[in-house]
PDB file of N, CA and C in Angstrom:
ATOM      1  N   MET A   1      47.718  53.245 138.413  1.00  0.00           N
ATOM      2  CA  MET A   1      47.391  52.125 139.267  1.00  0.00           C
ATOM      3  C   MET A   1      48.678  51.498 139.773  1.00  0.00           C
ATOM      4  N   LYS A   2      48.750  51.290 141.059  1.00  0.00           N
ATOM      5  CA  LYS A   2      49.953  50.746 141.680  1.00  0.00           C
ATOM      6  C   LYS A   2      49.860  49.223 141.760  1.00  0.00           C
ATOM      7  N   SER A   3      50.921  48.557 141.354  1.00  0.00           N
ATOM      8  CA  SER A   3      50.983  47.099 141.437  1.00  0.00           C
ATOM      9  C   SER A   3      51.611  46.689 142.758  1.00  0.00           C
ATOM     10  N   ASN A   4      51.104  45.614 143.336  1.00  0.00           N
ATOM     11  CA  ASN A   4      51.625  45.136 144.616  1.00  0.00           C
ATOM     12  C   ASN A   4      51.778  43.627 144.535  1.00  0.00           C
ATOM     13  N   ASN A   5      53.021  43.127 144.471  1.00  0.00           N
ATOM     14  CA  ASN A   5      53.218  41.682 144.445  1.00  0.00           C
ATOM     15  C   ASN A   5      53.665  41.136 145.790  1.00  0.00           C
ATOM     16  N   GLN A   6      53.328  41.794 146.850  1.00  0.00           N
ATOM     17  CA  GLN A   6      53.665  41.300 148.176  1.00  0.00           C
ATOM     18  C   GLN A   6      52.733  40.157 148.555  1.00  0.00           C
ATOM     19  N   ILE A   7      53.289  39.119 149.178  1.00  0.00           N
ATOM     20  CA  ILE A   7      52.476  38.020 149.679  1.00  0.00           C
ATOM     21  C   ILE A   7      52.057  38.391 151.100  1.00  0.00           C
ATOM     22  N   ASN A   8      50.755  38.537 151.306  1.00  0.00           N
ATOM     23  CA  ASN A   8      50.249  39.017 152.590  1.00  0.00           C
ATOM     24  C   ASN A   8      49.837  37.903 153.539  1.00  0.00           C
ATOM     25  N   ILE A   9      49.705  36.690 153.038  1.00  0.00           N
ATOM     26  CA  ILE A   9      49.281  35.574 153.877  1.00  0.00           C
ATOM     27  C   ILE A   9      50.523  34.811 154.324  1.00  0.00           C
ATOM     28  N   PRO A  10      50.788  34.757 155.645  1.00  0.00           N
ATOM     29  CA  PRO A  10      52.021  34.121 156.140  1.00  0.00           C
ATOM     30  C   PRO A  10      52.211  32.687 155.644  1.00  0.00           C
ATOM     31  N   GLU A  11      51.145  31.895 155.593  1.00  0.00           N
ATOM     32  CA  GLU A  11      51.267  30.507 155.140  1.00  0.00           C
ATOM     33  C   GLU A  11      51.694  30.441 153.683  1.00  0.00           C
ATOM     34  N   ALA A  12      51.181  31.373 152.874  1.00  0.00           N
ATOM     35  CA  ALA A  12      51.547  31.410 151.461  1.00  0.00           C
ATOM     36  C   ALA A  12      53.018  31.789 151.308  1.00  0.00           C
ATOM     37  N   ARG A  13      53.480  32.730 152.115  1.00  0.00           N
ATOM     38  CA  ARG A  13      54.895  33.138 152.058  1.00  0.00           C
ATOM     39  C   ARG A  13      55.797  31.963 152.427  1.00  0.00           C
ATOM     40  N   GLU A  14      55.429  31.236 153.472  1.00  0.00           N
ATOM     41  CA  GLU A  14      56.230  30.078 153.887  1.00  0.00           C
ATOM     42  C   GLU A  14      56.275  29.021 152.790  1.00  0.00           C
ATOM     43  N   ALA A  15      55.140  28.753 152.158  1.00  0.00           N
ATOM     44  CA  ALA A  15      55.081  27.765 151.084  1.00  0.00           C
ATOM     45  C   ALA A  15      55.927  28.209 149.894  1.00  0.00           C
ATOM     46  N   MET A  16      55.858  29.495 149.557  1.00  0.00           N
ATOM     47  CA  MET A  16      56.634  30.008 148.421  1.00  0.00           C
ATOM     48  C   MET A  16      58.134  29.966 148.720  1.00  0.00           C
ATOM     49  N   ASP A  17      58.518  30.288 149.945  1.00  0.00           N
ATOM     50  CA  ASP A  17      59.928  30.220 150.331  1.00  0.00           C
ATOM     51  C   ASP A  17      60.442  28.777 150.255  1.00  0.00           C
ATOM     52  N   LYS A  18      59.628  27.837 150.719  1.00  0.00           N
ATOM     53  CA  LYS A  18      60.010  26.427 150.658  1.00  0.00           C
ATOM     54  C   LYS A  18      60.146  25.966 149.204  1.00  0.00           C
ATOM     55  N   PHE A  19      59.192  26.369 148.375  1.00  0.00           N
ATOM     56  CA  PHE A  19      59.219  26.037 146.952  1.00  0.00           C
ATOM     57  C   PHE A  19      60.479  26.610 146.292  1.00  0.00           C
ATOM     58  N   LYS A  20      60.820  27.844 146.635  1.00  0.00           N
ATOM     59  CA  LYS A  20      62.005  28.499 146.079  1.00  0.00           C
ATOM     60  C   LYS A  20      63.283  27.761 146.497  1.00  0.00           C
ATOM     61  N   MET A  21      63.348  27.347 147.755  1.00  0.00           N
ATOM     62  CA  MET A  21      64.516  26.618 148.244  1.00  0.00           C
ATOM     63  C   MET A  21      64.664  25.271 147.531  1.00  0.00           C
ATOM     64  N   GLN A  22      63.542  24.579 147.314  1.00  0.00           N
ATOM     65  CA  GLN A  22      63.584  23.302 146.602  1.00  0.00           C
ATOM     66  C   GLN A  22      64.065  23.496 145.168  1.00  0.00           C
ATOM     67  N   ALA A  23      63.549  24.521 144.501  1.00  0.00           N
ATOM     68  CA  ALA A  23      63.951  24.793 143.124  1.00  0.00           C
ATOM     69  C   ALA A  23      65.440  25.130 143.064  1.00  0.00           C
ATOM     70  N   ALA A  24      65.913  25.931 144.002  1.00  0.00           N
ATOM     71  CA  ALA A  24      67.329  26.298 144.031  1.00  0.00           C
ATOM     72  C   ALA A  24      68.198  25.066 144.244  1.00  0.00           C
ATOM     73  N   ASN A  25      67.781  24.192 145.134  1.00  0.00           N
ATOM     74  CA  ASN A  25      68.524  22.968 145.392  1.00  0.00           C
ATOM     75  C   ASN A  25      68.599  22.100 144.133  1.00  0.00           C
ATOM     76  N   GLU A  26      67.501  22.022 143.393  1.00  0.00           N
ATOM     77  CA  GLU A  26      67.459  21.210 142.178  1.00  0.00           C
ATOM     78  C   GLU A  26      68.420  21.712 141.101  1.00  0.00           C
ATOM     79  N   VAL A  27      68.650  23.014 141.038  1.00  0.00           N
ATOM     80  CA  VAL A  27      69.550  23.557 140.020  1.00  0.00           C
ATOM     81  C   VAL A  27      70.941  23.863 140.575  1.00  0.00           C
ATOM     82  N   GLY A  28      71.182  23.512 141.842  1.00  0.00           N
ATOM     83  CA  GLY A  28      72.513  23.653 142.420  1.00  0.00           C
ATOM     84  C   GLY A  28      72.889  25.054 142.861  1.00  0.00           C
ATOM     85  N   VAL A  29      71.887  25.873 143.184  1.00  0.00           N
ATOM     86  CA  VAL A  29      72.149  27.230 143.678  1.00  0.00           C
ATOM     87  C   VAL A  29      71.977  27.218 145.191  1.00  0.00           C
ATOM     88  N   ASN A  30      72.950  27.753 145.887  1.00  0.00           N
ATOM     89  CA  ASN A  30      72.921  27.760 147.346  1.00  0.00           C
ATOM     90  C   ASN A  30      72.226  29.026 147.848  1.00  0.00           C
ATOM     91  N   LEU A  31      70.928  28.901 148.171  1.00  0.00           N
ATOM     92  CA  LEU A  31      70.190  30.023 148.742  1.00  0.00           C
ATOM     93  C   LEU A  31      70.288  29.959 150.252  1.00  0.00           C
ATOM     94  N   LYS A  32      70.247  31.131 150.868  1.00  0.00           N
ATOM     95  CA  LYS A  32      70.186  31.185 152.324  1.00  0.00           C
ATOM     96  C   LYS A  32      68.911  31.917 152.714  1.00  0.00           C
ATOM     97  N   GLN A  33      68.489  31.757 153.948  1.00  0.00           N
ATOM     98  CA  GLN A  33      67.307  32.462 154.418  1.00  0.00           C
ATOM     99  C   GLN A  33      67.585  33.957 154.397  1.00  0.00           C
ATOM    100  N   GLY A  34      66.599  34.739 153.994  1.00  0.00           N
ATOM    101  CA  GLY A  34      66.758  36.184 153.964  1.00  0.00           C
ATOM    102  C   GLY A  34      67.295  36.684 152.641  1.00  0.00           C
ATOM    103  N   TYR A  35      68.131  37.687 152.716  1.00  0.00           N
ATOM    104  CA  TYR A  35      68.631  38.386 151.537  1.00  0.00           C
ATOM    105  C   TYR A  35      69.646  37.544 150.768  1.00  0.00           C
ATOM    106  N   ASN A  36      69.453  37.470 149.447  1.00  0.00           N
ATOM    107  CA  ASN A  36      70.364  36.720 148.579  1.00  0.00           C
ATOM    108  C   ASN A  36      70.878  37.608 147.448  1.00  0.00           C
ATOM    109  N   GLY A  37      71.214  38.839 147.776  1.00  0.00           N
ATOM    110  CA  GLY A  37      71.660  39.804 146.778  1.00  0.00           C
ATOM    111  C   GLY A  37      73.004  39.487 146.159  1.00  0.00           C
ATOM    112  N   ASP A  38      73.703  38.494 146.703  1.00  0.00           N
ATOM    113  CA  ASP A  38      75.003  38.136 146.143  1.00  0.00           C
ATOM    114  C   ASP A  38      74.881  37.133 145.001  1.00  0.00           C
ATOM    115  N   LEU A  39      73.669  36.703 144.673  1.00  0.00           N
ATOM    116  CA  LEU A  39      73.492  35.772 143.555  1.00  0.00           C
ATOM    117  C   LEU A  39      73.755  36.481 142.237  1.00  0.00           C
ATOM    118  N   THR A  40      74.284  35.739 141.285  1.00  0.00           N
ATOM    119  CA  THR A  40      74.434  36.298 139.947  1.00  0.00           C
ATOM    120  C   THR A  40      73.069  36.287 139.260  1.00  0.00           C
ATOM    121  N   SER A  41      72.945  37.037 138.198  1.00  0.00           N
ATOM    122  CA  SER A  41      71.698  37.039 137.426  1.00  0.00           C
ATOM    123  C   SER A  41      71.407  35.649 136.889  1.00  0.00           C
ATOM    124  N   ARG A  42      72.432  34.950 136.484  1.00  0.00           N
ATOM    125  CA  ARG A  42      72.260  33.592 135.962  1.00  0.00           C
ATOM    126  C   ARG A  42      71.698  32.665 137.037  1.00  0.00           C
ATOM    127  N   GLU A  43      72.238  32.751 138.258  1.00  0.00           N
ATOM    128  CA  GLU A  43      71.756  31.903 139.349  1.00  0.00           C
ATOM    129  C   GLU A  43      70.295  32.228 139.691  1.00  0.00           C
ATOM    130  N   ALA A  44      69.999  33.505 139.829  1.00  0.00           N
ATOM    131  CA  ALA A  44      68.632  33.910 140.154  1.00  0.00           C
ATOM    132  C   ALA A  44      67.667  33.484 139.049  1.00  0.00           C
ATOM    133  N   GLY A  45      68.083  33.645 137.806  1.00  0.00           N
ATOM    134  CA  GLY A  45      67.246  33.244 136.678  1.00  0.00           C
ATOM    135  C   GLY A  45      67.024  31.755 136.611  1.00  0.00           C
ATOM    136  N   SER A  46      68.042  30.980 136.959  1.00  0.00           N
ATOM    137  CA  SER A  46      67.877  29.529 136.923  1.00  0.00           C
ATOM    138  C   SER A  46      66.912  29.061 138.006  1.00  0.00           C
ATOM    139  N   VAL A  47      66.915  29.718 139.161  1.00  0.00           N
ATOM    140  CA  VAL A  47      65.966  29.377 140.222  1.00  0.00           C
ATOM    141  C   VAL A  47      64.547  29.721 139.766  1.00  0.00           C
ATOM    142  N   GLY A  48      64.368  30.915 139.245  1.00  0.00           N
ATOM    143  CA  GLY A  48      63.044  31.322 138.758  1.00  0.00           C
ATOM    144  C   GLY A  48      62.563  30.434 137.624  1.00  0.00           C
ATOM    145  N   GLY A  49      63.453  30.097 136.718  1.00  0.00           N
ATOM    146  CA  GLY A  49      63.087  29.217 135.612  1.00  0.00           C
ATOM    147  C   GLY A  49      62.674  27.841 136.092  1.00  0.00           C
ATOM    148  N   GLN A  50      63.367  27.312 137.087  1.00  0.00           N
ATOM    149  CA  GLN A  50      63.025  26.005 137.640  1.00  0.00           C
ATOM    150  C   GLN A  50      61.660  26.059 138.327  1.00  0.00           C
ATOM    151  N   MET A  51      61.371  27.168 138.998  1.00  0.00           N
ATOM    152  CA  MET A  51      60.072  27.315 139.643  1.00  0.00           C
ATOM    153  C   MET A  51      58.953  27.308 138.605  1.00  0.00           C
ATOM    154  N   VAL A  52      59.146  28.037 137.511  1.00  0.00           N
ATOM    155  CA  VAL A  52      58.148  28.073 136.444  1.00  0.00           C
ATOM    156  C   VAL A  52      57.977  26.686 135.830  1.00  0.00           C
ATOM    157  N   LYS A  53      59.084  26.005 135.587  1.00  0.00           N
ATOM    158  CA  LYS A  53      59.023  24.654 135.022  1.00  0.00           C
ATOM    159  C   LYS A  53      58.199  23.733 135.913  1.00  0.00           C
ATOM    160  N   LYS A  54      58.432  23.795 137.234  1.00  0.00           N
ATOM    161  CA  LYS A  54      57.699  22.951 138.179  1.00  0.00           C
ATOM    162  C   LYS A  54      56.214  23.324 138.218  1.00  0.00           C
ATOM    163  N   MET A  55      55.895  24.618 138.131  1.00  0.00           N
ATOM    164  CA  MET A  55      54.499  25.036 138.136  1.00  0.00           C
ATOM    165  C   MET A  55      53.779  24.542 136.885  1.00  0.00           C
ATOM    166  N   ILE A  56      54.451  24.602 135.740  1.00  0.00           N
ATOM    167  CA  ILE A  56      53.841  24.113 134.501  1.00  0.00           C
ATOM    168  C   ILE A  56      53.624  22.604 134.579  1.00  0.00           C
ATOM    169  N   GLU A  57      54.606  21.872 135.096  1.00  0.00           N
ATOM    170  CA  GLU A  57      54.459  20.426 135.254  1.00  0.00           C
ATOM    171  C   GLU A  57      53.288  20.093 136.161  1.00  0.00           C
ATOM    172  N   ALA A  58      53.145  20.810 137.262  1.00  0.00           N
ATOM    173  CA  ALA A  58      52.036  20.565 138.193  1.00  0.00           C
ATOM    174  C   ALA A  58      50.699  20.843 137.529  1.00  0.00           C
ATOM    175  N   TYR A  59      50.639  21.913 136.746  1.00  0.00           N
ATOM    176  CA  TYR A  59      49.413  22.258 136.042  1.00  0.00           C
ATOM    177  C   TYR A  59      49.053  21.169 135.032  1.00  0.00           C
ATOM    178  N   GLU A  60      50.054  20.713 134.273  1.00  0.00           N
ATOM    179  CA  GLU A  60      49.803  19.683 133.274  1.00  0.00           C
ATOM    180  C   GLU A  60      49.363  18.370 133.931  1.00  0.00           C
ATOM    181  N   GLN A  61      49.916  18.043 135.086  1.00  0.00           N
ATOM    182  CA  GLN A  61      49.497  16.844 135.813  1.00  0.00           C
ATOM    183  C   GLN A  61      48.046  16.966 136.254  1.00  0.00           C
ATOM    184  N   GLY A  62      47.628  18.164 136.597  1.00  0.00           N
ATOM    185  CA  GLY A  62      46.248  18.392 137.012  1.00  0.00           C
ATOM    186  C   GLY A  62      45.250  18.236 135.880  1.00  0.00           C
ATOM    187  N   LEU A  63      45.721  18.401 134.650  1.00  0.00           N
ATOM    188  CA  LEU A  63      44.836  18.272 133.491  1.00  0.00           C
ATOM    189  C   LEU A  63      44.597  16.817 133.107  1.00  0.00           C
ATOM    190  N   GLN A  64      45.424  15.933 133.565  1.00  0.00           N
ATOM    191  CA  GLN A  64      45.302  14.527 133.167  1.00  0.00           C
ATOM    192  C   GLN A  64      44.365  13.760 134.067  1.00  0.00           C
TER     193      GLN A  64
END
């Protein structure tokens, strides 16, 4: 079975890109539009970690 994590809905892609940029800004990583292959693993991980942290916070707020 082939896995596909591509975002096919343009509005969802735009929202995710905006969310990623906000998370990067919060942790002090300078992302640019398009390819960011020059990021270190630490920088990329900190952006992803911040995104997860924000998603968990949003979920917990929804439970209250």
